[in-house]
């Protein structure tokens, strides 16, 4: 039968290297980084949205219902703005 050797802790009479111990214990330099999610960015923009003007919405709804909202000028303006948004600088 073979017995495994028993390990004993070594006791040294030399003083420990205090400087090395302090360096090992010192935290590494780190940079804090904050990442804001897309959802948080959108939530922050909610405060930038103007209030709904209820009387204007009611007026436009009434004009649409009566058929007097869609004029050739308004349609041309809407198409022009849409084209500018889809093809900027064209």
Protein backbone atom coordinates (compact mmCIF):
# COMPACT_ATOMS: atom_id res chain seq x y z
CA UNK A 1 0.00 0.00 0.00
CA UNK A 2 1.30 3.41 -1.01
CA UNK A 3 0.39 6.38 1.13
CA UNK A 4 0.07 9.78 -0.44
CA UNK A 5 2.39 12.34 1.05
CA UNK A 6 0.79 14.75 3.42
CA UNK A 7 1.45 18.38 2.60
CA UNK A 8 2.44 20.69 5.34
CA UNK A 9 2.31 24.47 5.08
CA UNK A 10 5.74 26.05 4.83
CA UNK A 11 6.59 28.70 7.31
CA UNK A 12 9.14 31.22 6.13
CA UNK A 13 11.26 33.30 8.39
CA UNK A 14 11.59 36.02 5.73
CA UNK A 15 9.25 39.04 5.93
CA UNK A 16 6.65 39.22 3.19
CA UNK A 17 7.19 41.66 0.32
CA UNK A 18 4.76 44.34 1.48
CA UNK A 19 5.06 46.43 -1.70
CA UNK A 20 4.11 43.52 -3.92
CA UNK A 21 1.18 42.67 -1.67
CA UNK A 22 -0.11 46.23 -1.88
CA UNK A 23 0.17 46.23 -5.67
CA UNK A 24 -1.73 42.98 -5.91
CA UNK A 25 -4.46 44.27 -3.65
CA UNK A 26 -4.79 47.61 -5.47
CA UNK A 27 -7.82 47.69 -7.79
CA UNK A 28 -7.21 47.96 -11.49
CA UNK A 29 -8.01 51.29 -13.07
CA UNK A 30 -11.41 51.09 -14.73
CA UNK A 31 -13.56 53.46 -16.68
CA UNK A 32 -17.26 53.61 -15.93
CA UNK A 33 -19.48 53.35 -18.98
CA UNK A 34 -23.18 54.11 -19.14
CA UNK A 35 -25.18 52.72 -22.02
CA UNK A 36 -28.70 54.01 -22.53
CA UNK A 37 -31.07 51.67 -24.34
CA UNK A 38 -33.09 52.69 -27.36
CA UNK A 39 -36.27 52.29 -25.32
CA UNK A 40 -34.94 54.70 -22.68
CA UNK A 41 -33.98 57.24 -25.36
CA UNK A 42 -37.47 57.05 -26.84
CA UNK A 43 -39.04 57.36 -23.40
CA UNK A 44 -37.00 60.51 -22.78
CA UNK A 45 -38.32 62.05 -26.01
CA UNK A 46 -41.93 61.67 -24.86
CA UNK A 47 -41.55 64.96 -23.00
CA UNK A 48 -40.67 66.70 -26.28
CA UNK A 49 -43.96 65.75 -27.95
CA UNK A 50 -46.32 68.72 -27.99
CA UNK A 51 -49.69 68.46 -26.31
CA UNK A 52 -52.64 67.37 -28.47
CA UNK A 53 -54.79 70.30 -29.44
CA UNK A 54 -58.22 68.73 -29.10
CA UNK A 55 -60.12 71.56 -30.80
CA UNK A 56 -57.84 71.43 -33.86
CA UNK A 57 -58.23 67.65 -34.09
CA UNK A 58 -62.03 68.02 -33.88
CA UNK A 59 -61.98 70.71 -36.58
CA UNK A 60 -59.90 68.59 -38.97
CA UNK A 61 -62.12 65.54 -38.32
CA UNK A 62 -65.20 67.61 -39.17
CA UNK A 63 -63.55 68.87 -42.38
CA UNK A 64 -62.60 65.32 -43.40
CA UNK A 65 -66.14 64.07 -42.67
CA UNK A 66 -67.68 66.88 -44.75
CA UNK A 67 -65.26 66.35 -47.64
CA UNK A 68 -63.78 69.85 -47.51
CA UNK A 69 -60.39 68.86 -45.99
CA UNK A 70 -58.82 67.27 -49.06
CA UNK A 71 -58.07 70.14 -51.38
CA UNK A 72 -55.64 69.93 -54.32
CA UNK A 73 -53.31 72.35 -52.48
CA UNK A 74 -53.21 70.21 -49.34
CA UNK A 75 -52.63 67.02 -51.34
CA UNK A 76 -49.78 68.67 -53.30
CA UNK A 77 -48.25 69.90 -50.04
CA UNK A 78 -48.48 66.46 -48.43
CA UNK A 79 -46.96 64.74 -51.48
CA UNK A 80 -44.16 67.31 -51.61
CA UNK A 81 -43.29 66.82 -47.92
CA UNK A 82 -43.39 63.04 -48.35
CA UNK A 83 -41.03 63.20 -51.34
CA UNK A 84 -38.66 65.50 -49.41
CA UNK A 85 -38.63 63.01 -46.54
CA UNK A 86 -38.11 59.97 -48.79
CA UNK A 87 -35.58 61.61 -51.12
CA UNK A 88 -33.81 64.43 -49.27
CA UNK A 89 -31.79 66.76 -51.46
CA UNK A 90 -33.34 65.48 -54.70
